[in-house]
PDB file of all heavy atoms in Angstrom:
ATOM      1  N   LEU A   1       1.995 -11.717   3.566  1.00  0.00           N
ATOM      2  CA  LEU A   1       2.326 -10.444   4.208  1.00  0.00           C
ATOM      3  C   LEU A   1       2.636 -10.604   5.693  1.00  0.00           C
ATOM      4  O   LEU A   1       1.788 -11.079   6.464  1.00  0.00           O
ATOM      5  CB  LEU A   1       1.145  -9.477   4.013  1.00  0.00           C
ATOM      6  CG  LEU A   1       1.219  -8.105   4.665  1.00  0.00           C
ATOM      7  CD1 LEU A   1       2.362  -7.274   4.058  1.00  0.00           C
ATOM      8  CD2 LEU A   1      -0.118  -7.370   4.470  1.00  0.00           C
ATOM      9  N   ASP A   2       3.839 -10.194   6.091  1.00  0.00           N
ATOM     10  CA  ASP A   2       4.190 -10.126   7.508  1.00  0.00           C
ATOM     11  C   ASP A   2       3.549  -8.873   8.100  1.00  0.00           C
ATOM     12  O   ASP A   2       3.283  -7.898   7.389  1.00  0.00           O
ATOM     13  CB  ASP A   2       5.712 -10.073   7.653  1.00  0.00           C
ATOM     14  CG  ASP A   2       6.181 -10.219   9.091  1.00  0.00           C
ATOM     15  OD1 ASP A   2       5.356 -10.600   9.952  1.00  0.00           O
ATOM     16  OD2 ASP A   2       7.365  -9.954   9.353  1.00  0.00           O
ATOM     17  N   LEU A   3       3.285  -8.889   9.398  1.00  0.00           N
ATOM     18  CA  LEU A   3       2.708  -7.712  10.050  1.00  0.00           C
ATOM     19  C   LEU A   3       3.771  -6.768  10.586  1.00  0.00           C
ATOM     20  O   LEU A   3       3.647  -5.543  10.472  1.00  0.00           O
ATOM     21  CB  LEU A   3       1.779  -8.142  11.196  1.00  0.00           C
ATOM     22  CG  LEU A   3       0.472  -8.815  10.779  1.00  0.00           C
ATOM     23  CD1 LEU A   3      -0.342  -9.193  12.016  1.00  0.00           C
ATOM     24  CD2 LEU A   3      -0.354  -7.922   9.854  1.00  0.00           C
ATOM     25  N   MET A   4       4.826  -7.326  11.180  1.00  0.00           N
ATOM     26  CA  MET A   4       5.857  -6.494  11.805  1.00  0.00           C
ATOM     27  C   MET A   4       6.947  -6.194  10.789  1.00  0.00           C
ATOM     28  O   MET A   4       7.891  -6.964  10.603  1.00  0.00           O
ATOM     29  CB  MET A   4       6.410  -7.198  13.043  1.00  0.00           C
ATOM     30  CG  MET A   4       5.371  -7.364  14.127  1.00  0.00           C
ATOM     31  SD  MET A   4       5.998  -8.151  15.630  1.00  0.00           S
ATOM     32  CE  MET A   4       6.193  -9.840  15.069  1.00  0.00           C
ATOM     33  N   LEU A   5       6.798  -5.068  10.094  1.00  0.00           N
ATOM     34  CA  LEU A   5       7.713  -4.664   9.041  1.00  0.00           C
ATOM     35  C   LEU A   5       8.315  -3.304   9.372  1.00  0.00           C
ATOM     36  O   LEU A   5       7.679  -2.492  10.057  1.00  0.00           O
ATOM     37  CB  LEU A   5       6.968  -4.556   7.704  1.00  0.00           C
ATOM     38  CG  LEU A   5       6.348  -5.831   7.134  1.00  0.00           C
ATOM     39  CD1 LEU A   5       5.400  -5.489   5.994  1.00  0.00           C
ATOM     40  CD2 LEU A   5       7.446  -6.775   6.641  1.00  0.00           C
ATOM     41  N   PRO A   6       9.524  -3.026   8.882  1.00  0.00           N
ATOM     42  CA  PRO A   6      10.072  -1.674   9.065  1.00  0.00           C
ATOM     43  C   PRO A   6       9.267  -0.661   8.261  1.00  0.00           C
ATOM     44  O   PRO A   6       8.770  -0.956   7.175  1.00  0.00           O
ATOM     45  CB  PRO A   6      11.501  -1.803   8.524  1.00  0.00           C
ATOM     46  CG  PRO A   6      11.473  -2.994   7.611  1.00  0.00           C
ATOM     47  CD  PRO A   6      10.451  -3.924   8.176  1.00  0.00           C
ATOM     48  N   GLY A   7       9.123   0.531   8.808  1.00  0.00           N
ATOM     49  CA  GLY A   7       8.344   1.559   8.110  1.00  0.00           C
ATOM     50  C   GLY A   7       6.857   1.257   8.179  1.00  0.00           C
ATOM     51  O   GLY A   7       6.293   1.104   9.261  1.00  0.00           O
ATOM     52  N   ARG A   8       6.211   1.109   7.050  1.00  0.00           N
ATOM     53  CA  ARG A   8       4.777   0.819   7.006  1.00  0.00           C
ATOM     54  C   ARG A   8       4.548  -0.653   7.336  1.00  0.00           C
ATOM     55  O   ARG A   8       5.039  -1.538   6.634  1.00  0.00           O
ATOM     56  CB  ARG A   8       4.216   1.163   5.630  1.00  0.00           C
ATOM     57  CG  ARG A   8       4.476   2.600   5.211  1.00  0.00           C
ATOM     58  CD  ARG A   8       3.858   2.957   3.889  1.00  0.00           C
ATOM     59  NE  ARG A   8       2.410   3.051   3.972  1.00  0.00           N
ATOM     60  CZ  ARG A   8       1.655   3.582   3.004  1.00  0.00           C
ATOM     61  NH1 ARG A   8       2.220   4.055   1.913  1.00  0.00           N
ATOM     62  NH2 ARG A   8       0.350   3.622   3.133  1.00  0.00           N
ATOM     63  N   ASN A   9       3.814  -0.912   8.407  1.00  0.00           N
ATOM     64  CA  ASN A   9       3.627  -2.295   8.829  1.00  0.00           C
ATOM     65  C   ASN A   9       2.565  -3.008   7.979  1.00  0.00           C
ATOM     66  O   ASN A   9       1.934  -2.415   7.109  1.00  0.00           O
ATOM     67  CB  ASN A   9       3.289  -2.369  10.322  1.00  0.00           C
ATOM     68  CG  ASN A   9       1.975  -1.679  10.657  1.00  0.00           C
ATOM     69  OD1 ASN A   9       1.041  -1.663   9.857  1.00  0.00           O
ATOM     70  ND2 ASN A   9       1.894  -1.111  11.853  1.00  0.00           N
ATOM     71  N   GLY A  10       2.394  -4.294   8.261  1.00  0.00           N
ATOM     72  CA  GLY A  10       1.470  -5.089   7.462  1.00  0.00           C
ATOM     73  C   GLY A  10       0.033  -4.634   7.557  1.00  0.00           C
ATOM     74  O   GLY A  10      -0.723  -4.721   6.583  1.00  0.00           O
ATOM     75  N   TYR A  11      -0.375  -4.163   8.733  1.00  0.00           N
ATOM     76  CA  TYR A  11      -1.740  -3.643   8.875  1.00  0.00           C
ATOM     77  C   TYR A  11      -1.954  -2.476   7.910  1.00  0.00           C
ATOM     78  O   TYR A  11      -2.986  -2.390   7.225  1.00  0.00           O
ATOM     79  CB  TYR A  11      -1.979  -3.146  10.305  1.00  0.00           C
ATOM     80  CG  TYR A  11      -1.982  -4.209  11.364  1.00  0.00           C
ATOM     81  CD1 TYR A  11      -1.005  -4.219  12.359  1.00  0.00           C
ATOM     82  CD2 TYR A  11      -2.966  -5.190  11.400  1.00  0.00           C
ATOM     83  CE1 TYR A  11      -1.005  -5.185  13.356  1.00  0.00           C
ATOM     84  CE2 TYR A  11      -2.981  -6.161  12.393  1.00  0.00           C
ATOM     85  CZ  TYR A  11      -1.995  -6.150  13.367  1.00  0.00           C
ATOM     86  OH  TYR A  11      -2.007  -7.101  14.355  1.00  0.00           O
ATOM     87  N   ASP A  12      -0.976  -1.576   7.850  1.00  0.00           N
ATOM     88  CA  ASP A  12      -1.085  -0.402   6.984  1.00  0.00           C
ATOM     89  C   ASP A  12      -1.102  -0.800   5.515  1.00  0.00           C
ATOM     90  O   ASP A  12      -1.858  -0.256   4.710  1.00  0.00           O
ATOM     91  CB  ASP A  12       0.077   0.547   7.267  1.00  0.00           C
ATOM     92  CG  ASP A  12      -0.081   1.892   6.571  1.00  0.00           C
ATOM     93  OD1 ASP A  12      -1.238   2.284   6.304  1.00  0.00           O
ATOM     94  OD2 ASP A  12       0.938   2.533   6.284  1.00  0.00           O
ATOM     95  N   VAL A  13      -0.261  -1.780   5.163  1.00  0.00           N
ATOM     96  CA  VAL A  13      -0.233  -2.252   3.772  1.00  0.00           C
ATOM     97  C   VAL A  13      -1.591  -2.828   3.377  1.00  0.00           C
ATOM     98  O   VAL A  13      -2.141  -2.509   2.323  1.00  0.00           O
ATOM     99  CB  VAL A  13       0.869  -3.319   3.583  1.00  0.00           C
ATOM    100  CG1 VAL A  13       0.755  -3.972   2.201  1.00  0.00           C
ATOM    101  CG2 VAL A  13       2.246  -2.698   3.743  1.00  0.00           C
ATOM    102  N   CYS A  14      -2.147  -3.675   4.234  1.00  0.00           N
ATOM    103  CA  CYS A  14      -3.437  -4.305   3.935  1.00  0.00           C
ATOM    104  C   CYS A  14      -4.544  -3.260   3.827  1.00  0.00           C
ATOM    105  O   CYS A  14      -5.366  -3.289   2.910  1.00  0.00           O
ATOM    106  CB  CYS A  14      -3.768  -5.322   5.027  1.00  0.00           C
ATOM    107  SG  CYS A  14      -5.094  -6.462   4.580  1.00  0.00           S
ATOM    108  N   ARG A  15      -4.563  -2.302   4.770  1.00  0.00           N
ATOM    109  CA  ARG A  15      -5.560  -1.236   4.750  1.00  0.00           C
ATOM    110  C   ARG A  15      -5.460  -0.416   3.461  1.00  0.00           C
ATOM    111  O   ARG A  15      -6.473  -0.098   2.822  1.00  0.00           O
ATOM    112  CB  ARG A  15      -5.363  -0.317   5.958  1.00  0.00           C
ATOM    113  CG  ARG A  15      -6.386   0.816   6.035  1.00  0.00           C
ATOM    114  CD  ARG A  15      -6.018   1.828   7.112  1.00  0.00           C
ATOM    115  NE  ARG A  15      -5.915   1.226   8.427  1.00  0.00           N
ATOM    116  CZ  ARG A  15      -4.788   1.059   9.093  1.00  0.00           C
ATOM    117  NH1 ARG A  15      -3.626   1.428   8.544  1.00  0.00           N
ATOM    118  NH2 ARG A  15      -4.786   0.518  10.297  1.00  0.00           N
ATOM    119  N   THR A  16      -4.231  -0.112   3.048  1.00  0.00           N
ATOM    120  CA  THR A  16      -4.010   0.693   1.841  1.00  0.00           C
ATOM    121  C   THR A  16      -4.477  -0.037   0.590  1.00  0.00           C
ATOM    122  O   THR A  16      -5.102   0.558  -0.297  1.00  0.00           O
ATOM    123  CB  THR A  16      -2.517   1.056   1.711  1.00  0.00           C
ATOM    124  OG1 THR A  16      -2.104   1.778   2.882  1.00  0.00           O
ATOM    125  CG2 THR A  16      -2.261   1.911   0.484  1.00  0.00           C
ATOM    126  N   LEU A  17      -4.193  -1.328   0.523  1.00  0.00           N
ATOM    127  CA  LEU A  17      -4.622  -2.131  -0.633  1.00  0.00           C
ATOM    128  C   LEU A  17      -6.134  -2.128  -0.777  1.00  0.00           C
ATOM    129  O   LEU A  17      -6.677  -1.896  -1.861  1.00  0.00           O
ATOM    130  CB  LEU A  17      -4.150  -3.578  -0.481  1.00  0.00           C
ATOM    131  CG  LEU A  17      -2.654  -3.877  -0.526  1.00  0.00           C
ATOM    132  CD1 LEU A  17      -2.433  -5.373  -0.392  1.00  0.00           C
ATOM    133  CD2 LEU A  17      -2.060  -3.375  -1.820  1.00  0.00           C
ATOM    134  N   ARG A  18      -6.813  -2.417   0.317  1.00  0.00           N
ATOM    135  CA  ARG A  18      -8.269  -2.521   0.248  1.00  0.00           C
ATOM    136  C   ARG A  18      -8.908  -1.162  -0.021  1.00  0.00           C
ATOM    137  O   ARG A  18      -9.898  -1.071  -0.748  1.00  0.00           O
ATOM    138  CB  ARG A  18      -8.819  -3.132   1.543  1.00  0.00           C
ATOM    139  CG  ARG A  18      -8.333  -4.564   1.827  1.00  0.00           C
ATOM    140  CD  ARG A  18      -8.443  -5.459   0.605  1.00  0.00           C
ATOM    141  NE  ARG A  18      -8.136  -6.865   0.904  1.00  0.00           N
ATOM    142  CZ  ARG A  18      -7.437  -7.643   0.114  1.00  0.00           C
ATOM    143  NH1 ARG A  18      -6.945  -7.185  -1.031  1.00  0.00           N
ATOM    144  NH2 ARG A  18      -7.216  -8.899   0.435  1.00  0.00           N
ATOM    145  N   ALA A  19      -8.329  -0.099   0.522  1.00  0.00           N
ATOM    146  CA  ALA A  19      -8.859   1.244   0.265  1.00  0.00           C
ATOM    147  C   ALA A  19      -8.716   1.618  -1.203  1.00  0.00           C
ATOM    148  O   ALA A  19      -9.524   2.379  -1.750  1.00  0.00           O
ATOM    149  CB  ALA A  19      -8.146   2.271   1.145  1.00  0.00           C
ATOM    150  N   ALA A  20      -7.677   1.066  -1.857  1.00  0.00           N
ATOM    151  CA  ALA A  20      -7.447   1.349  -3.272  1.00  0.00           C
ATOM    152  C   ALA A  20      -8.255   0.419  -4.181  1.00  0.00           C
ATOM    153  O   ALA A  20      -8.148   0.494  -5.405  1.00  0.00           O
ATOM    154  CB  ALA A  20      -5.960   1.214  -3.588  1.00  0.00           C
ATOM    155  N   GLY A  21      -9.042  -0.478  -3.600  1.00  0.00           N
ATOM    156  CA  GLY A  21      -9.860  -1.397  -4.391  1.00  0.00           C
ATOM    157  C   GLY A  21      -9.112  -2.599  -4.926  1.00  0.00           C
ATOM    158  O   GLY A  21      -9.607  -3.308  -5.804  1.00  0.00           O
ATOM    159  N   ILE A  22      -7.921  -2.854  -4.402  1.00  0.00           N
ATOM    160  CA  ILE A  22      -7.135  -4.019  -4.836  1.00  0.00           C
ATOM    161  C   ILE A  22      -7.617  -5.244  -4.060  1.00  0.00           C
ATOM    162  O   ILE A  22      -7.553  -5.273  -2.835  1.00  0.00           O
ATOM    163  CB  ILE A  22      -5.635  -3.775  -4.597  1.00  0.00           C
ATOM    164  CG1 ILE A  22      -5.168  -2.599  -5.461  1.00  0.00           C
ATOM    165  CG2 ILE A  22      -4.820  -5.031  -4.916  1.00  0.00           C
ATOM    166  CD1 ILE A  22      -3.754  -2.139  -5.175  1.00  0.00           C
ATOM    167  N   THR A  23      -8.095  -6.246  -4.764  1.00  0.00           N
ATOM    168  CA  THR A  23      -8.742  -7.399  -4.128  1.00  0.00           C
ATOM    169  C   THR A  23      -7.857  -8.648  -4.095  1.00  0.00           C
ATOM    170  O   THR A  23      -8.337  -9.731  -3.759  1.00  0.00           O
ATOM    171  CB  THR A  23     -10.055  -7.740  -4.855  1.00  0.00           C
ATOM    172  OG1 THR A  23      -9.771  -8.056  -6.231  1.00  0.00           O
ATOM    173  CG2 THR A  23     -11.028  -6.570  -4.794  1.00  0.00           C
ATOM    174  N   THR A  24      -6.583  -8.515  -4.451  1.00  0.00           N
ATOM    175  CA  THR A  24      -5.669  -9.666  -4.423  1.00  0.00           C
ATOM    176  C   THR A  24      -5.721 -10.355  -3.052  1.00  0.00           C
ATOM    177  O   THR A  24      -5.644  -9.680  -2.025  1.00  0.00           O
ATOM    178  CB  THR A  24      -4.230  -9.192  -4.690  1.00  0.00           C
ATOM    179  OG1 THR A  24      -4.196  -8.468  -5.915  1.00  0.00           O
ATOM    180  CG2 THR A  24      -3.275 -10.385  -4.767  1.00  0.00           C
ATOM    181  N   PRO A  25      -5.853 -11.681  -3.019  1.00  0.00           N
ATOM    182  CA  PRO A  25      -5.881 -12.375  -1.726  1.00  0.00           C
ATOM    183  C   PRO A  25      -4.624 -12.106  -0.907  1.00  0.00           C
ATOM    184  O   PRO A  25      -3.511 -12.132  -1.438  1.00  0.00           O
ATOM    185  CB  PRO A  25      -5.973 -13.850  -2.123  1.00  0.00           C
ATOM    186  CG  PRO A  25      -6.574 -13.842  -3.490  1.00  0.00           C
ATOM    187  CD  PRO A  25      -6.060 -12.609  -4.152  1.00  0.00           C
ATOM    188  N   VAL A  26      -4.805 -11.847   0.390  1.00  0.00           N
ATOM    189  CA  VAL A  26      -3.695 -11.561   1.302  1.00  0.00           C
ATOM    190  C   VAL A  26      -3.668 -12.620   2.401  1.00  0.00           C
ATOM    191  O   VAL A  26      -4.664 -12.824   3.102  1.00  0.00           O
ATOM    192  CB  VAL A  26      -3.831 -10.160   1.931  1.00  0.00           C
ATOM    193  CG1 VAL A  26      -2.770  -9.953   3.011  1.00  0.00           C
ATOM    194  CG2 VAL A  26      -3.722  -9.078   0.861  1.00  0.00           C
ATOM    195  N   LEU A  27      -2.527 -13.289   2.534  1.00  0.00           N
ATOM    196  CA  LEU A  27      -2.316 -14.253   3.601  1.00  0.00           C
ATOM    197  C   LEU A  27      -1.319 -13.644   4.586  1.00  0.00           C
ATOM    198  O   LEU A  27      -0.178 -13.377   4.215  1.00  0.00           O
ATOM    199  CB  LEU A  27      -1.778 -15.566   3.041  1.00  0.00           C
ATOM    200  CG  LEU A  27      -1.723 -16.775   3.988  1.00  0.00           C
ATOM    201  CD1 LEU A  27      -1.639 -18.064   3.174  1.00  0.00           C
ATOM    202  CD2 LEU A  27      -0.534 -16.719   4.943  1.00  0.00           C
ATOM    203  N   ILE A  28      -1.751 -13.398   5.809  1.00  0.00           N
ATOM    204  CA  ILE A  28      -0.868 -12.860   6.834  1.00  0.00           C
ATOM    205  C   ILE A  28       0.003 -13.989   7.377  1.00  0.00           C
ATOM    206  O   ILE A  28      -0.500 -15.047   7.761  1.00  0.00           O
ATOM    207  CB  ILE A  28      -1.669 -12.221   7.991  1.00  0.00           C
ATOM    208  CG1 ILE A  28      -2.557 -11.072   7.468  1.00  0.00           C
ATOM    209  CG2 ILE A  28      -0.736 -11.735   9.086  1.00  0.00           C
ATOM    210  CD1 ILE A  28      -1.791  -9.901   6.906  1.00  0.00           C
ATOM    211  N   LEU A  29       1.324 -13.763   7.404  1.00  0.00           N
ATOM    212  CA  LEU A  29       2.279 -14.728   7.963  1.00  0.00           C
ATOM    213  C   LEU A  29       3.101 -13.977   9.004  1.00  0.00           C
ATOM    214  O   LEU A  29       3.939 -13.140   8.664  1.00  0.00           O
ATOM    215  CB  LEU A  29       3.183 -15.276   6.859  1.00  0.00           C
ATOM    216  CG  LEU A  29       4.204 -16.336   7.279  1.00  0.00           C
ATOM    217  CD1 LEU A  29       3.499 -17.585   7.803  1.00  0.00           C
ATOM    218  CD2 LEU A  29       5.105 -16.695   6.100  1.00  0.00           C
ATOM    219  N   THR A  30       2.841 -14.244  10.279  1.00  0.00           N
ATOM    220  CA  THR A  30       3.386 -13.389  11.329  1.00  0.00           C
ATOM    221  C   THR A  30       3.665 -14.150  12.614  1.00  0.00           C
ATOM    222  O   THR A  30       3.101 -15.223  12.857  1.00  0.00           O
ATOM    223  CB  THR A  30       2.391 -12.245  11.625  1.00  0.00           C
ATOM    224  OG1 THR A  30       2.905 -11.402  12.660  1.00  0.00           O
ATOM    225  CG2 THR A  30       1.042 -12.806  12.064  1.00  0.00           C
ATOM    226  N   ALA A  31       4.520 -13.558  13.458  1.00  0.00           N
ATOM    227  CA  ALA A  31       4.783 -14.106  14.789  1.00  0.00           C
ATOM    228  C   ALA A  31       3.751 -13.633  15.805  1.00  0.00           C
ATOM    229  O   ALA A  31       3.704 -14.137  16.926  1.00  0.00           O
ATOM    230  CB  ALA A  31       6.188 -13.709  15.249  1.00  0.00           C
ATOM    231  N   LYS A  32       2.916 -12.674  15.427  1.00  0.00           N
ATOM    232  CA  LYS A  32       1.886 -12.159  16.333  1.00  0.00           C
ATOM    233  C   LYS A  32       0.743 -13.173  16.396  1.00  0.00           C
ATOM    234  O   LYS A  32      -0.001 -13.319  15.436  1.00  0.00           O
ATOM    235  CB  LYS A  32       1.385 -10.787  15.858  1.00  0.00           C
ATOM    236  CG  LYS A  32       2.465  -9.701  15.906  1.00  0.00           C
ATOM    237  CD  LYS A  32       1.997  -8.409  15.278  1.00  0.00           C
ATOM    238  CE  LYS A  32       0.983  -7.674  16.147  1.00  0.00           C
ATOM    239  NZ  LYS A  32       1.554  -7.167  17.404  1.00  0.00           N
ATOM    240  N   ASP A  33       0.631 -13.849  17.536  1.00  0.00           N
ATOM    241  CA  ASP A  33      -0.335 -14.943  17.623  1.00  0.00           C
ATOM    242  C   ASP A  33      -1.525 -14.648  18.533  1.00  0.00           C
ATOM    243  O   ASP A  33      -2.271 -15.551  18.907  1.00  0.00           O
ATOM    244  CB  ASP A  33       0.357 -16.228  18.088  1.00  0.00           C
ATOM    245  CG  ASP A  33       1.026 -16.061  19.453  1.00  0.00           C
ATOM    246  OD1 ASP A  33       0.969 -14.954  20.018  1.00  0.00           O
ATOM    247  OD2 ASP A  33       1.605 -17.053  19.946  1.00  0.00           O
ATOM    248  N   GLY A  34      -1.750 -13.380  18.847  1.00  0.00           N
ATOM    249  CA  GLY A  34      -2.897 -13.027  19.676  1.00  0.00           C
ATOM    250  C   GLY A  34      -4.182 -13.022  18.867  1.00  0.00           C
ATOM    251  O   GLY A  34      -4.181 -12.721  17.668  1.00  0.00           O
ATOM    252  N   GLU A  35      -5.294 -13.344  19.528  1.00  0.00           N
ATOM    253  CA  GLU A  35      -6.571 -13.392  18.809  1.00  0.00           C
ATOM    254  C   GLU A  35      -6.995 -12.008  18.344  1.00  0.00           C
ATOM    255  O   GLU A  35      -7.634 -11.873  17.292  1.00  0.00           O
ATOM    256  CB  GLU A  35      -7.649 -14.021  19.689  1.00  0.00           C
ATOM    257  CG  GLU A  35      -7.917 -13.297  20.990  1.00  0.00           C
ATOM    258  CD  GLU A  35      -8.937 -14.016  21.858  1.00  0.00           C
ATOM    259  OE1 GLU A  35      -9.179 -15.221  21.617  1.00  0.00           O
ATOM    260  OE2 GLU A  35      -9.499 -13.370  22.754  1.00  0.00           O
TER     261      GLU A  35
END
């Protein structure tokens, strides 16, 4: 999952998945390199 996406960003996608109880492993792949 990229973070900087058009429309719903990666943060929102990840939050939505976990809120829905979906436990599929998520690997963030992004240019955002801040801690």
